[in-house]
């Protein structure tokens, strides 16, 4: 026997452009707007990044590597060269 998931109707006031964008994104995935937004919210609410990811996010936000040359990803050889390998 399957467990029934209880749902509650809720109203939000959102920017019209945001709603239009969400509708388009849902349409491209052949999903309802409700399902699309619910999945996004579930992902945000229940998927906490692990400690390594949190540290990487904080490092990126700090600007520590802002002056470091970027890695050239145009080819494997270019990537190795740009990394000094």
C-alpha atoms as a PDB file:
ATOM      1  CA  UNK A   1       0.000   0.000   0.000  1.00  0.00           C
ATOM      2  CA  UNK A   2       1.428   3.399  -1.016  1.00  0.00           C
ATOM      3  CA  UNK A   3       1.658   6.251   1.470  1.00  0.00           C
ATOM      4  CA  UNK A   4      -0.314   9.328   0.483  1.00  0.00           C
ATOM      5  CA  UNK A   5       1.628  12.560   0.449  1.00  0.00           C
ATOM      6  CA  UNK A   6      -0.424  15.370   1.886  1.00  0.00           C
ATOM      7  CA  UNK A   7      -0.337  18.649  -0.009  1.00  0.00           C
ATOM      8  CA  UNK A   8      -1.550  22.097   0.930  1.00  0.00           C
ATOM      9  CA  UNK A   9      -2.629  24.785  -1.532  1.00  0.00           C
ATOM     10  CA  UNK A  10      -0.575  27.931  -1.022  1.00  0.00           C
ATOM     11  CA  UNK A  11      -0.564  31.261  -2.809  1.00  0.00           C
ATOM     12  CA  UNK A  12       2.586  33.253  -3.577  1.00  0.00           C
ATOM     13  CA  UNK A  13       3.004  36.635  -5.197  1.00  0.00           C
ATOM     14  CA  UNK A  14       5.870  36.408  -7.683  1.00  0.00           C
ATOM     15  CA  UNK A  15       7.364  38.701 -10.281  1.00  0.00           C
ATOM     16  CA  UNK A  16       5.524  38.242 -13.598  1.00  0.00           C
ATOM     17  CA  UNK A  17       8.783  37.764 -15.516  1.00  0.00           C
ATOM     18  CA  UNK A  18       9.871  35.076 -13.058  1.00  0.00           C
ATOM     19  CA  UNK A  19       6.583  33.196 -13.460  1.00  0.00           C
ATOM     20  CA  UNK A  20       6.882  33.387 -17.245  1.00  0.00           C
ATOM     21  CA  UNK A  21      10.442  32.058 -17.054  1.00  0.00           C
ATOM     22  CA  UNK A  22       9.421  29.210 -14.753  1.00  0.00           C
ATOM     23  CA  UNK A  23       6.521  28.294 -17.056  1.00  0.00           C
ATOM     24  CA  UNK A  24       8.878  28.146 -20.027  1.00  0.00           C
ATOM     25  CA  UNK A  25      11.381  26.008 -18.133  1.00  0.00           C
ATOM     26  CA  UNK A  26       8.605  23.640 -17.013  1.00  0.00           C
ATOM     27  CA  UNK A  27       7.236  23.418 -20.565  1.00  0.00           C
ATOM     28  CA  UNK A  28      10.664  22.456 -21.935  1.00  0.00           C
ATOM     29  CA  UNK A  29      10.765  19.578 -19.452  1.00  0.00           C
ATOM     30  CA  UNK A  30       7.154  18.579 -20.228  1.00  0.00           C
ATOM     31  CA  UNK A  31       6.124  19.220 -16.627  1.00  0.00           C
ATOM     32  CA  UNK A  32       3.439  21.271 -14.949  1.00  0.00           C
ATOM     33  CA  UNK A  33       4.459  24.575 -13.399  1.00  0.00           C
ATOM     34  CA  UNK A  34       3.397  23.247  -9.992  1.00  0.00           C
ATOM     35  CA  UNK A  35       5.555  20.117 -10.308  1.00  0.00           C
ATOM     36  CA  UNK A  36       8.524  22.085 -11.613  1.00  0.00           C
ATOM     37  CA  UNK A  37       8.456  24.649  -8.790  1.00  0.00           C
ATOM     38  CA  UNK A  38       7.807  21.980  -6.142  1.00  0.00           C
ATOM     39  CA  UNK A  39      10.867  20.005  -7.302  1.00  0.00           C
ATOM     40  CA  UNK A  40      13.038  23.144  -7.199  1.00  0.00           C
ATOM     41  CA  UNK A  41      11.848  23.944  -3.676  1.00  0.00           C
ATOM     42  CA  UNK A  42      12.336  20.343  -2.485  1.00  0.00           C
ATOM     43  CA  UNK A  43      15.877  20.414  -3.846  1.00  0.00           C
ATOM     44  CA  UNK A  44      16.686  23.661  -2.041  1.00  0.00           C
ATOM     45  CA  UNK A  45      14.971  22.643   1.201  1.00  0.00           C
ATOM     46  CA  UNK A  46      16.366  19.120   1.537  1.00  0.00           C
ATOM     47  CA  UNK A  47      19.709  18.951  -0.288  1.00  0.00           C
ATOM     48  CA  UNK A  48      22.284  20.453   2.059  1.00  0.00           C
ATOM     49  CA  UNK A  49      25.789  20.611   0.531  1.00  0.00           C
ATOM     50  CA  UNK A  50      28.474  18.557   2.276  1.00  0.00           C
ATOM     51  CA  UNK A  51      31.415  20.171   4.108  1.00  0.00           C
ATOM     52  CA  UNK A  52      33.788  19.977   1.107  1.00  0.00           C
ATOM     53  CA  UNK A  53      31.239  21.692  -1.125  1.00  0.00           C
ATOM     54  CA  UNK A  54      30.546  24.355   1.516  1.00  0.00           C
ATOM     55  CA  UNK A  55      34.287  25.057   1.782  1.00  0.00           C
ATOM     56  CA  UNK A  56      34.604  25.322  -2.014  1.00  0.00           C
ATOM     57  CA  UNK A  57      31.646  27.724  -2.164  1.00  0.00           C
ATOM     58  CA  UNK A  58      33.159  29.885   0.574  1.00  0.00           C
ATOM     59  CA  UNK A  59      36.539  29.859  -1.182  1.00  0.00           C
ATOM     60  CA  UNK A  60      34.925  30.941  -4.453  1.00  0.00           C
ATOM     61  CA  UNK A  61      32.988  33.721  -2.722  1.00  0.00           C
ATOM     62  CA  UNK A  62      36.110  34.976  -0.955  1.00  0.00           C
ATOM     63  CA  UNK A  63      37.745  35.994  -4.236  1.00  0.00           C
ATOM     64  CA  UNK A  64      40.959  34.242  -3.192  1.00  0.00           C
ATOM     65  CA  UNK A  65      41.640  33.035  -6.730  1.00  0.00           C
ATOM     66  CA  UNK A  66      40.330  36.087  -8.575  1.00  0.00           C
ATOM     67  CA  UNK A  67      43.792  36.954  -9.935  1.00  0.00           C
ATOM     68  CA  UNK A  68      44.740  33.371 -10.829  1.00  0.00           C
ATOM     69  CA  UNK A  69      44.723  32.723 -14.586  1.00  0.00           C
ATOM     70  CA  UNK A  70      41.752  30.655 -15.700  1.00  0.00           C
ATOM     71  CA  UNK A  71      42.111  27.112 -16.973  1.00  0.00           C
ATOM     72  CA  UNK A  72      41.863  26.794 -20.771  1.00  0.00           C
ATOM     73  CA  UNK A  73      39.291  24.056 -21.421  1.00  0.00           C
ATOM     74  CA  UNK A  74      39.334  24.266 -25.220  1.00  0.00           C
ATOM     75  CA  UNK A  75      41.209  20.948 -25.370  1.00  0.00           C
ATOM     76  CA  UNK A  76      42.876  18.506 -23.008  1.00  0.00           C
ATOM     77  CA  UNK A  77      46.306  19.646 -24.141  1.00  0.00           C
ATOM     78  CA  UNK A  78      45.428  23.321 -23.638  1.00  0.00           C
ATOM     79  CA  UNK A  79      44.031  22.532 -20.199  1.00  0.00           C
ATOM     80  CA  UNK A  80      47.207  20.753 -19.102  1.00  0.00           C
ATOM     81  CA  UNK A  81      49.359  23.563 -20.481  1.00  0.00           C
ATOM     82  CA  UNK A  82      47.316  26.268 -18.706  1.00  0.00           C
ATOM     83  CA  UNK A  83      47.651  24.277 -15.477  1.00  0.00           C
ATOM     84  CA  UNK A  84      51.417  24.101 -15.881  1.00  0.00           C
ATOM     85  CA  UNK A  85      51.453  20.357 -16.448  1.00  0.00           C
END
